[in-house]
Amino acid sequence: PAQPTQAEAPAKTYKVALITAQGGLGDRS
């Protein structure tokens, strides 16, 4: 009988950080 295959590793979840500039969020720009 066929041997069970190893489960595929889940796709990596990438982590991204965004550092805002002077004025910050809410500048509507």
mmCIF file of all heavy atoms, coordinates in Angstrom:
data_MODEL
# 
_entry.id   MODEL 
# 
loop_
_atom_site.group_PDB 
_atom_site.id 
_atom_site.type_symbol 
_atom_site.label_atom_id 
_atom_site.label_alt_id 
_atom_site.label_comp_id 
_atom_site.label_asym_id 
_atom_site.label_entity_id 
_atom_site.label_seq_id 
_atom_site.pdbx_PDB_ins_code 
_atom_site.Cartn_x 
_atom_site.Cartn_y 
_atom_site.Cartn_z 
_atom_site.occupancy 
_atom_site.B_iso_or_equiv 
_atom_site.pdbx_formal_charge 
_atom_site.auth_seq_id 
_atom_site.auth_comp_id 
_atom_site.auth_asym_id 
_atom_site.auth_atom_id 
_atom_site.pdbx_PDB_model_num 
ATOM 1   N N   . PRO A 1 1  ? 0.831   -1.201 0.000  1.00 0.00 ? 1  PRO A N   1 
ATOM 2   C CA  . PRO A 1 1  ? 0.000   0.000  0.000  1.00 0.00 ? 1  PRO A CA  1 
ATOM 3   C C   . PRO A 1 1  ? 0.865   1.251  0.000  1.00 0.00 ? 1  PRO A C   1 
ATOM 4   O O   . PRO A 1 1  ? 1.967   1.257  0.519  1.00 0.00 ? 1  PRO A O   1 
ATOM 5   C CB  . PRO A 1 1  ? -0.790  -0.133 1.313  1.00 0.00 ? 1  PRO A CB  1 
ATOM 6   C CG  . PRO A 1 1  ? 0.062   -1.000 2.176  1.00 0.00 ? 1  PRO A CG  1 
ATOM 7   C CD  . PRO A 1 1  ? 0.708   -1.973 1.240  1.00 0.00 ? 1  PRO A CD  1 
ATOM 8   N N   . ALA A 1 2  ? 0.369   2.326  -0.629 1.00 0.00 ? 2  ALA A N   1 
ATOM 9   C CA  . ALA A 1 2  ? 1.120   3.590  -0.700 1.00 0.00 ? 2  ALA A CA  1 
ATOM 10  C C   . ALA A 1 2  ? 1.346   4.137  0.693  1.00 0.00 ? 2  ALA A C   1 
ATOM 11  O O   . ALA A 1 2  ? 0.459   4.100  1.541  1.00 0.00 ? 2  ALA A O   1 
ATOM 12  C CB  . ALA A 1 2  ? 0.343   4.605  -1.540 1.00 0.00 ? 2  ALA A CB  1 
ATOM 13  N N   . GLN A 1 3  ? 2.565   4.612  0.922  1.00 0.00 ? 3  GLN A N   1 
ATOM 14  C CA  . GLN A 1 3  ? 2.888   5.190  2.221  1.00 0.00 ? 3  GLN A CA  1 
ATOM 15  C C   . GLN A 1 3  ? 2.280   6.588  2.331  1.00 0.00 ? 3  GLN A C   1 
ATOM 16  O O   . GLN A 1 3  ? 2.259   7.340  1.351  1.00 0.00 ? 3  GLN A O   1 
ATOM 17  C CB  . GLN A 1 3  ? 4.410   5.290  2.381  1.00 0.00 ? 3  GLN A CB  1 
ATOM 18  C CG  . GLN A 1 3  ? 5.102   3.942  2.380  1.00 0.00 ? 3  GLN A CG  1 
ATOM 19  C CD  . GLN A 1 3  ? 4.642   3.084  3.542  1.00 0.00 ? 3  GLN A CD  1 
ATOM 20  O OE1 . GLN A 1 3  ? 4.567   3.551  4.676  1.00 0.00 ? 3  GLN A OE1 1 
ATOM 21  N NE2 . GLN A 1 3  ? 4.339   1.813  3.263  1.00 0.00 ? 3  GLN A NE2 1 
ATOM 22  N N   . PRO A 1 4  ? 1.772   6.981  3.473  1.00 0.00 ? 4  PRO A N   1 
ATOM 23  C CA  . PRO A 1 4  ? 1.180   8.316  3.619  1.00 0.00 ? 4  PRO A CA  1 
ATOM 24  C C   . PRO A 1 4  ? 2.240   9.398  3.399  1.00 0.00 ? 4  PRO A C   1 
ATOM 25  O O   . PRO A 1 4  ? 3.360   9.290  3.892  1.00 0.00 ? 4  PRO A O   1 
ATOM 26  C CB  . PRO A 1 4  ? 0.677   8.334  5.076  1.00 0.00 ? 4  PRO A CB  1 
ATOM 27  C CG  . PRO A 1 4  ? 1.482   7.273  5.772  1.00 0.00 ? 4  PRO A CG  1 
ATOM 28  C CD  . PRO A 1 4  ? 1.739   6.224  4.731  1.00 0.00 ? 4  PRO A CD  1 
ATOM 29  N N   . THR A 1 5  ? 1.898   10.427 2.596  1.00 0.00 ? 5  THR A N   1 
ATOM 30  C CA  . THR A 1 5  ? 2.837   11.520 2.337  1.00 0.00 ? 5  THR A CA  1 
ATOM 31  C C   . THR A 1 5  ? 2.819   12.503 3.492  1.00 0.00 ? 5  THR A C   1 
ATOM 32  O O   . THR A 1 5  ? 1.796   12.691 4.152  1.00 0.00 ? 5  THR A O   1 
ATOM 33  C CB  . THR A 1 5  ? 2.465   12.259 1.047  1.00 0.00 ? 5  THR A CB  1 
ATOM 34  O OG1 . THR A 1 5  ? 1.137   12.755 1.176  1.00 0.00 ? 5  THR A OG1 1 
ATOM 35  C CG2 . THR A 1 5  ? 2.537   11.334 -0.157 1.00 0.00 ? 5  THR A CG2 1 
ATOM 36  N N   . GLN A 1 6  ? 3.966   13.173 3.685  1.00 0.00 ? 6  GLN A N   1 
ATOM 37  C CA  . GLN A 1 6  ? 4.068   14.159 4.756  1.00 0.00 ? 6  GLN A CA  1 
ATOM 38  C C   . GLN A 1 6  ? 3.262   15.400 4.384  1.00 0.00 ? 6  GLN A C   1 
ATOM 39  O O   . GLN A 1 6  ? 3.290   15.864 3.250  1.00 0.00 ? 6  GLN A O   1 
ATOM 40  C CB  . GLN A 1 6  ? 5.535   14.544 4.959  1.00 0.00 ? 6  GLN A CB  1 
ATOM 41  C CG  . GLN A 1 6  ? 5.746   15.483 6.146  1.00 0.00 ? 6  GLN A CG  1 
ATOM 42  C CD  . GLN A 1 6  ? 7.219   15.761 6.350  1.00 0.00 ? 6  GLN A CD  1 
ATOM 43  O OE1 . GLN A 1 6  ? 8.034   15.313 5.567  1.00 0.00 ? 6  GLN A OE1 1 
ATOM 44  N NE2 . GLN A 1 6  ? 7.545   16.489 7.387  1.00 0.00 ? 6  GLN A NE2 1 
ATOM 45  N N   . ALA A 1 7  ? 2.489   15.925 5.306  1.00 0.00 ? 7  ALA A N   1 
ATOM 46  C CA  . ALA A 1 7  ? 1.655   17.094 5.035  1.00 0.00 ? 7  ALA A CA  1 
ATOM 47  C C   . ALA A 1 7  ? 2.526   18.279 4.632  1.00 0.00 ? 7  ALA A C   1 
ATOM 48  O O   . ALA A 1 7  ? 3.596   18.495 5.191  1.00 0.00 ? 7  ALA A O   1 
ATOM 49  C CB  . ALA A 1 7  ? 0.838   17.454 6.280  1.00 0.00 ? 7  ALA A CB  1 
ATOM 50  N N   . GLU A 1 8  ? 2.071   19.045 3.610  1.00 0.00 ? 8  GLU A N   1 
ATOM 51  C CA  . GLU A 1 8  ? 2.823   20.202 3.163  1.00 0.00 ? 8  GLU A CA  1 
ATOM 52  C C   . GLU A 1 8  ? 2.815   21.282 4.232  1.00 0.00 ? 8  GLU A C   1 
ATOM 53  O O   . GLU A 1 8  ? 1.795   21.516 4.892  1.00 0.00 ? 8  GLU A O   1 
ATOM 54  C CB  . GLU A 1 8  ? 2.206   20.768 1.878  1.00 0.00 ? 8  GLU A CB  1 
ATOM 55  C CG  . GLU A 1 8  ? 2.341   19.843 0.680  1.00 0.00 ? 8  GLU A CG  1 
ATOM 56  C CD  . GLU A 1 8  ? 1.801   20.505 -0.572 1.00 0.00 ? 8  GLU A CD  1 
ATOM 57  O OE1 . GLU A 1 8  ? 1.425   21.682 -0.495 1.00 0.00 ? 8  GLU A OE1 1 
ATOM 58  O OE2 . GLU A 1 8  ? 1.761   19.836 -1.620 1.00 0.00 ? 8  GLU A OE2 1 
ATOM 59  N N   . ALA A 1 9  ? 3.964   21.940 4.382  1.00 0.00 ? 9  ALA A N   1 
ATOM 60  C CA  . ALA A 1 9  ? 4.062   23.013 5.375  1.00 0.00 ? 9  ALA A CA  1 
ATOM 61  C C   . ALA A 1 9  ? 3.187   24.180 4.940  1.00 0.00 ? 9  ALA A C   1 
ATOM 62  O O   . ALA A 1 9  ? 3.099   24.501 3.758  1.00 0.00 ? 9  ALA A O   1 
ATOM 63  C CB  . ALA A 1 9  ? 5.513   23.469 5.496  1.00 0.00 ? 9  ALA A CB  1 
ATOM 64  N N   . PRO A 1 10 ? 2.475   24.794 5.873  1.00 0.00 ? 10 PRO A N   1 
ATOM 65  C CA  . PRO A 1 10 ? 1.626   25.929 5.503  1.00 0.00 ? 10 PRO A CA  1 
ATOM 66  C C   . PRO A 1 10 ? 2.461   27.074 4.949  1.00 0.00 ? 10 PRO A C   1 
ATOM 67  O O   . PRO A 1 10 ? 3.617   27.248 5.303  1.00 0.00 ? 10 PRO A O   1 
ATOM 68  C CB  . PRO A 1 10 ? 0.979   26.310 6.846  1.00 0.00 ? 10 PRO A CB  1 
ATOM 69  C CG  . PRO A 1 10 ? 1.920   25.795 7.892  1.00 0.00 ? 10 PRO A CG  1 
ATOM 70  C CD  . PRO A 1 10 ? 2.478   24.529 7.315  1.00 0.00 ? 10 PRO A CD  1 
ATOM 71  N N   . ALA A 1 11 ? 1.852   27.833 4.025  1.00 0.00 ? 11 ALA A N   1 
ATOM 72  C CA  . ALA A 1 11 ? 2.550   28.975 3.432  1.00 0.00 ? 11 ALA A CA  1 
ATOM 73  C C   . ALA A 1 11 ? 2.936   29.966 4.526  1.00 0.00 ? 11 ALA A C   1 
ATOM 74  O O   . ALA A 1 11 ? 2.177   30.192 5.476  1.00 0.00 ? 11 ALA A O   1 
ATOM 75  C CB  . ALA A 1 11 ? 1.661   29.651 2.394  1.00 0.00 ? 11 ALA A CB  1 
ATOM 76  N N   . LYS A 1 12 ? 4.091   30.574 4.368  1.00 0.00 ? 12 LYS A N   1 
ATOM 77  C CA  . LYS A 1 12 ? 4.573   31.506 5.378  1.00 0.00 ? 12 LYS A CA  1 
ATOM 78  C C   . LYS A 1 12 ? 3.715   32.766 5.398  1.00 0.00 ? 12 LYS A C   1 
ATOM 79  O O   . LYS A 1 12 ? 3.311   33.280 4.355  1.00 0.00 ? 12 LYS A O   1 
ATOM 80  C CB  . LYS A 1 12 ? 6.029   31.879 5.088  1.00 0.00 ? 12 LYS A CB  1 
ATOM 81  C CG  . LYS A 1 12 ? 6.571   32.938 6.047  1.00 0.00 ? 12 LYS A CG  1 
ATOM 82  C CD  . LYS A 1 12 ? 8.025   33.264 5.788  1.00 0.00 ? 12 LYS A CD  1 
ATOM 83  C CE  . LYS A 1 12 ? 8.510   34.360 6.734  1.00 0.00 ? 12 LYS A CE  1 
ATOM 84  N NZ  . LYS A 1 12 ? 9.936   34.670 6.564  1.00 0.00 ? 12 LYS A NZ  1 
ATOM 85  N N   . THR A 1 13 ? 3.444   33.247 6.580  1.00 0.00 ? 13 THR A N   1 
ATOM 86  C CA  . THR A 1 13 ? 2.758   34.533 6.729  1.00 0.00 ? 13 THR A CA  1 
ATOM 87  C C   . THR A 1 13 ? 3.820   35.590 6.967  1.00 0.00 ? 13 THR A C   1 
ATOM 88  O O   . THR A 1 13 ? 4.505   35.590 7.982  1.00 0.00 ? 13 THR A O   1 
ATOM 89  C CB  . THR A 1 13 ? 1.779   34.516 7.917  1.00 0.00 ? 13 THR A CB  1 
ATOM 90  O OG1 . THR A 1 13 ? 0.770   33.529 7.683  1.00 0.00 ? 13 THR A OG1 1 
ATOM 91  C CG2 . THR A 1 13 ? 1.109   35.881 8.071  1.00 0.00 ? 13 THR A CG2 1 
ATOM 92  N N   . TYR A 1 14 ? 3.971   36.491 6.014  1.00 0.00 ? 14 TYR A N   1 
ATOM 93  C CA  . TYR A 1 14 ? 4.990   37.528 6.113  1.00 0.00 ? 14 TYR A CA  1 
ATOM 94  C C   . TYR A 1 14 ? 4.512   38.668 7.009  1.00 0.00 ? 14 TYR A C   1 
ATOM 95  O O   . TYR A 1 14 ? 3.328   38.999 7.043  1.00 0.00 ? 14 TYR A O   1 
ATOM 96  C CB  . TYR A 1 14 ? 5.333   38.065 4.728  1.00 0.00 ? 14 TYR A CB  1 
ATOM 97  C CG  . TYR A 1 14 ? 6.101   37.082 3.879  1.00 0.00 ? 14 TYR A CG  1 
ATOM 98  C CD1 . TYR A 1 14 ? 5.428   36.191 3.046  1.00 0.00 ? 14 TYR A CD1 1 
ATOM 99  C CD2 . TYR A 1 14 ? 7.496   37.031 3.914  1.00 0.00 ? 14 TYR A CD2 1 
ATOM 100 C CE1 . TYR A 1 14 ? 6.134   35.274 2.271  1.00 0.00 ? 14 TYR A CE1 1 
ATOM 101 C CE2 . TYR A 1 14 ? 8.209   36.127 3.137  1.00 0.00 ? 14 TYR A CE2 1 
ATOM 102 C CZ  . TYR A 1 14 ? 7.523   35.245 2.322  1.00 0.00 ? 14 TYR A CZ  1 
ATOM 103 O OH  . TYR A 1 14 ? 8.217   34.349 1.560  1.00 0.00 ? 14 TYR A OH  1 
ATOM 104 N N   . LYS A 1 15 ? 5.474   39.249 7.709  1.00 0.00 ? 15 LYS A N   1 
ATOM 105 C CA  . LYS A 1 15 ? 5.162   40.350 8.632  1.00 0.00 ? 15 LYS A CA  1 
ATOM 106 C C   . LYS A 1 15 ? 5.797   41.636 8.108  1.00 0.00 ? 15 LYS A C   1 
ATOM 107 O O   . LYS A 1 15 ? 6.988   41.668 7.798  1.00 0.00 ? 15 LYS A O   1 
ATOM 108 C CB  . LYS A 1 15 ? 5.693   40.030 10.030 1.00 0.00 ? 15 LYS A CB  1 
ATOM 109 C CG  . LYS A 1 15 ? 5.058   38.796 10.666 1.00 0.00 ? 15 LYS A CG  1 
ATOM 110 C CD  . LYS A 1 15 ? 5.725   38.448 11.991 1.00 0.00 ? 15 LYS A CD  1 
ATOM 111 C CE  . LYS A 1 15 ? 5.556   39.548 13.008 1.00 0.00 ? 15 LYS A CE  1 
ATOM 112 N NZ  . LYS A 1 15 ? 6.167   39.203 14.312 1.00 0.00 ? 15 LYS A NZ  1 
ATOM 113 N N   . VAL A 1 16 ? 4.980   42.683 8.015  1.00 0.00 ? 16 VAL A N   1 
ATOM 114 C CA  . VAL A 1 16 ? 5.447   43.960 7.477  1.00 0.00 ? 16 VAL A CA  1 
ATOM 115 C C   . VAL A 1 16 ? 5.129   45.092 8.455  1.00 0.00 ? 16 VAL A C   1 
ATOM 116 O O   . VAL A 1 16 ? 4.003   45.213 8.933  1.00 0.00 ? 16 VAL A O   1 
ATOM 117 C CB  . VAL A 1 16 ? 4.782   44.275 6.120  1.00 0.00 ? 16 VAL A CB  1 
ATOM 118 C CG1 . VAL A 1 16 ? 5.309   45.599 5.567  1.00 0.00 ? 16 VAL A CG1 1 
ATOM 119 C CG2 . VAL A 1 16 ? 5.025   43.144 5.125  1.00 0.00 ? 16 VAL A CG2 1 
ATOM 120 N N   . ALA A 1 17 ? 6.126   45.906 8.747  1.00 0.00 ? 17 ALA A N   1 
ATOM 121 C CA  . ALA A 1 17 ? 5.936   47.078 9.613  1.00 0.00 ? 17 ALA A CA  1 
ATOM 122 C C   . ALA A 1 17 ? 6.055   48.342 8.775  1.00 0.00 ? 17 ALA A C   1 
ATOM 123 O O   . ALA A 1 17 ? 6.907   48.425 7.887  1.00 0.00 ? 17 ALA A O   1 
ATOM 124 C CB  . ALA A 1 17 ? 6.981   47.091 10.732 1.00 0.00 ? 17 ALA A CB  1 
ATOM 125 N N   . LEU A 1 18 ? 5.198   49.313 9.050  1.00 0.00 ? 18 LEU A N   1 
ATOM 126 C CA  . LEU A 1 18 ? 5.237   50.600 8.357  1.00 0.00 ? 18 LEU A CA  1 
ATOM 127 C C   . LEU A 1 18 ? 5.461   51.705 9.380  1.00 0.00 ? 18 LEU A C   1 
ATOM 128 O O   . LEU A 1 18 ? 4.629   51.918 10.269 1.00 0.00 ? 18 LEU A O   1 
ATOM 129 C CB  . LEU A 1 18 ? 3.924   50.849 7.610  1.00 0.00 ? 18 LEU A CB  1 
ATOM 130 C CG  . LEU A 1 18 ? 3.833   52.174 6.844  1.00 0.00 ? 18 LEU A CG  1 
ATOM 131 C CD1 . LEU A 1 18 ? 4.727   52.124 5.610  1.00 0.00 ? 18 LEU A CD1 1 
ATOM 132 C CD2 . LEU A 1 18 ? 2.394   52.471 6.447  1.00 0.00 ? 18 LEU A CD2 1 
ATOM 133 N N   . ILE A 1 19 ? 6.596   52.384 9.284  1.00 0.00 ? 19 ILE A N   1 
ATOM 134 C CA  . ILE A 1 19 ? 6.905   53.499 10.184 1.00 0.00 ? 19 ILE A CA  1 
ATOM 135 C C   . ILE A 1 19 ? 6.438   54.785 9.511  1.00 0.00 ? 19 ILE A C   1 
ATOM 136 O O   . ILE A 1 19 ? 6.877   55.103 8.400  1.00 0.00 ? 19 ILE A O   1 
ATOM 137 C CB  . ILE A 1 19 ? 8.413   53.573 10.483 1.00 0.00 ? 19 ILE A CB  1 
ATOM 138 C CG1 . ILE A 1 19 ? 8.901   52.256 11.108 1.00 0.00 ? 19 ILE A CG1 1 
ATOM 139 C CG2 . ILE A 1 19 ? 8.723   54.753 11.396 1.00 0.00 ? 19 ILE A CG2 1 
ATOM 140 C CD1 . ILE A 1 19 ? 10.413  52.190 11.300 1.00 0.00 ? 19 ILE A CD1 1 
ATOM 141 N N   . THR A 1 20 ? 5.546   55.510 10.151 1.00 0.00 ? 20 THR A N   1 
ATOM 142 C CA  . THR A 1 20 ? 5.009   56.728 9.549  1.00 0.00 ? 20 THR A CA  1 
ATOM 143 C C   . THR A 1 20 ? 6.003   57.876 9.658  1.00 0.00 ? 20 THR A C   1 
ATOM 144 O O   . THR A 1 20 ? 6.901   57.881 10.493 1.00 0.00 ? 20 THR A O   1 
ATOM 145 C CB  . THR A 1 20 ? 3.689   57.144 10.206 1.00 0.00 ? 20 THR A CB  1 
ATOM 146 O OG1 . THR A 1 20 ? 3.912   57.398 11.594 1.00 0.00 ? 20 THR A OG1 1 
ATOM 147 C CG2 . THR A 1 20 ? 2.642   56.055 10.065 1.00 0.00 ? 20 THR A CG2 1 
ATOM 148 N N   . ALA A 1 21 ? 5.797   58.865 8.797  1.00 0.00 ? 21 ALA A N   1 
ATOM 149 C CA  . ALA A 1 21 ? 6.635   60.059 8.784  1.00 0.00 ? 21 ALA A CA  1 
ATOM 150 C C   . ALA A 1 21 ? 6.023   61.137 9.672  1.00 0.00 ? 21 ALA A C   1 
ATOM 151 O O   . ALA A 1 21 ? 4.981   60.938 10.300 1.00 0.00 ? 21 ALA A O   1 
ATOM 152 C CB  . ALA A 1 21 ? 6.772   60.569 7.352  1.00 0.00 ? 21 ALA A CB  1 
ATOM 153 N N   . GLN A 1 22 ? 6.677   62.278 9.717  1.00 0.00 ? 22 GLN A N   1 
ATOM 154 C CA  . GLN A 1 22 ? 6.167   63.410 10.486 1.00 0.00 ? 22 GLN A CA  1 
ATOM 155 C C   . GLN A 1 22 ? 4.730   63.721 10.051 1.00 0.00 ? 22 GLN A C   1 
ATOM 156 O O   . GLN A 1 22 ? 4.408   63.679 8.879  1.00 0.00 ? 22 GLN A O   1 
ATOM 157 C CB  . GLN A 1 22 ? 7.030   64.644 10.240 1.00 0.00 ? 22 GLN A CB  1 
ATOM 158 C CG  . GLN A 1 22 ? 8.475   64.478 10.682 1.00 0.00 ? 22 GLN A CG  1 
ATOM 159 C CD  . GLN A 1 22 ? 9.327   65.664 10.267 1.00 0.00 ? 22 GLN A CD  1 
ATOM 160 O OE1 . GLN A 1 22 ? 9.142   66.779 10.753 1.00 0.00 ? 22 GLN A OE1 1 
ATOM 161 N NE2 . GLN A 1 22 ? 10.268  65.436 9.370  1.00 0.00 ? 22 GLN A NE2 1 
ATOM 162 N N   . GLY A 1 23 ? 3.896   64.043 11.010 1.00 0.00 ? 23 GLY A N   1 
ATOM 163 C CA  . GLY A 1 23 ? 2.491   64.302 10.717 1.00 0.00 ? 23 GLY A CA  1 
ATOM 164 C C   . GLY A 1 23 ? 1.616   63.106 11.048 1.00 0.00 ? 23 GLY A C   1 
ATOM 165 O O   . GLY A 1 23 ? 0.466   63.277 11.443 1.00 0.00 ? 23 GLY A O   1 
ATOM 166 N N   . GLY A 1 24 ? 2.158   61.900 10.910 1.00 0.00 ? 24 GLY A N   1 
ATOM 167 C CA  . GLY A 1 24 ? 1.450   60.692 11.296 1.00 0.00 ? 24 GLY A CA  1 
ATOM 168 C C   . GLY A 1 24 ? 0.171   60.423 10.520 1.00 0.00 ? 24 GLY A C   1 
ATOM 169 O O   . GLY A 1 24 ? -0.149  61.098 9.539  1.00 0.00 ? 24 GLY A O   1 
ATOM 170 N N   . LEU A 1 25 ? -0.551  59.404 10.978 1.00 0.00 ? 25 LEU A N   1 
ATOM 171 C CA  . LEU A 1 25 ? -1.817  59.062 10.345 1.00 0.00 ? 25 LEU A CA  1 
ATOM 172 C C   . LEU A 1 25 ? -2.839  60.164 10.594 1.00 0.00 ? 25 LEU A C   1 
ATOM 173 O O   . LEU A 1 25 ? -2.795  60.857 11.600 1.00 0.00 ? 25 LEU A O   1 
ATOM 174 C CB  . LEU A 1 25 ? -2.335  57.729 10.891 1.00 0.00 ? 25 LEU A CB  1 
ATOM 175 C CG  . LEU A 1 25 ? -1.486  56.491 10.594 1.00 0.00 ? 25 LEU A CG  1 
ATOM 176 C CD1 . LEU A 1 25 ? -2.156  55.248 11.152 1.00 0.00 ? 25 LEU A CD1 1 
ATOM 177 C CD2 . LEU A 1 25 ? -1.235  56.334 9.096  1.00 0.00 ? 25 LEU A CD2 1 
ATOM 178 N N   . GLY A 1 26 ? -3.754  60.286 9.645  1.00 0.00 ? 26 GLY A N   1 
ATOM 179 C CA  . GLY A 1 26 ? -4.767  61.322 9.754  1.00 0.00 ? 26 GLY A CA  1 
ATOM 180 C C   . GLY A 1 26 ? -4.414  62.577 8.992  1.00 0.00 ? 26 GLY A C   1 
ATOM 181 O O   . GLY A 1 26 ? -5.156  63.565 9.029  1.00 0.00 ? 26 GLY A O   1 
ATOM 182 N N   . ASP A 1 27 ? -3.289  62.557 8.261  1.00 0.00 ? 27 ASP A N   1 
ATOM 183 C CA  . ASP A 1 27 ? -2.888  63.763 7.523  1.00 0.00 ? 27 ASP A CA  1 
ATOM 184 C C   . ASP A 1 27 ? -3.631  63.910 6.191  1.00 0.00 ? 27 ASP A C   1 
ATOM 185 O O   . ASP A 1 27 ? -3.509  64.919 5.514  1.00 0.00 ? 27 ASP A O   1 
ATOM 186 C CB  . ASP A 1 27 ? -1.381  63.787 7.279  1.00 0.00 ? 27 ASP A CB  1 
ATOM 187 C CG  . ASP A 1 27 ? -0.869  62.625 6.419  1.00 0.00 ? 27 ASP A CG  1 
ATOM 188 O OD1 . ASP A 1 27 ? -1.688  61.773 6.009  1.00 0.00 ? 27 ASP A OD1 1 
ATOM 189 O OD2 . ASP A 1 27 ? 0.338   62.571 6.160  1.00 0.00 ? 27 ASP A OD2 1 
ATOM 190 N N   . ARG A 1 28 ? -4.407  62.863 5.831  1.00 0.00 ? 28 ARG A N   1 
ATOM 191 C CA  . ARG A 1 28 ? -5.151  62.859 4.570  1.00 0.00 ? 28 ARG A CA  1 
ATOM 192 C C   . ARG A 1 28 ? -4.218  63.146 3.383  1.00 0.00 ? 28 ARG A C   1 
ATOM 193 O O   . ARG A 1 28 ? -4.594  63.749 2.403  1.00 0.00 ? 28 ARG A O   1 
ATOM 194 C CB  . ARG A 1 28 ? -6.308  63.864 4.597  1.00 0.00 ? 28 ARG A CB  1 
ATOM 195 C CG  . ARG A 1 28 ? -7.343  63.534 5.654  1.00 0.00 ? 28 ARG A CG  1 
ATOM 196 C CD  . ARG A 1 28 ? -8.666  64.206 5.407  1.00 0.00 ? 28 ARG A CD  1 
ATOM 197 N NE  . ARG A 1 28 ? -8.691  65.607 5.820  1.00 0.00 ? 28 ARG A NE  1 
ATOM 198 C CZ  . ARG A 1 28 ? -9.807  66.341 5.842  1.00 0.00 ? 28 ARG A CZ  1 
ATOM 199 N NH1 . ARG A 1 28 ? -10.970 65.815 5.466  1.00 0.00 ? 28 ARG A NH1 1 
ATOM 200 N NH2 . ARG A 1 28 ? -9.769  67.591 6.240  1.00 0.00 ? 28 ARG A NH2 1 
ATOM 201 N N   . SER A 1 29 ? -2.995  62.667 3.535  1.00 0.00 ? 29 SER A N   1 
ATOM 202 C CA  . SER A 1 29 ? -1.973  62.932 2.529  1.00 0.00 ? 29 SER A CA  1 
ATOM 203 C C   . SER A 1 29 ? -1.001  61.763 2.476  1.00 0.00 ? 29 SER A C   1 
ATOM 204 O O   . SER A 1 29 ? -1.415  60.617 2.292  1.00 0.00 ? 29 SER A O   1 
ATOM 205 C CB  . SER A 1 29 ? -1.260  64.248 2.875  1.00 0.00 ? 29 SER A CB  1 
ATOM 206 O OG  . SER A 1 29 ? -0.293  64.593 1.920  1.00 0.00 ? 29 SER A OG  1 
# 
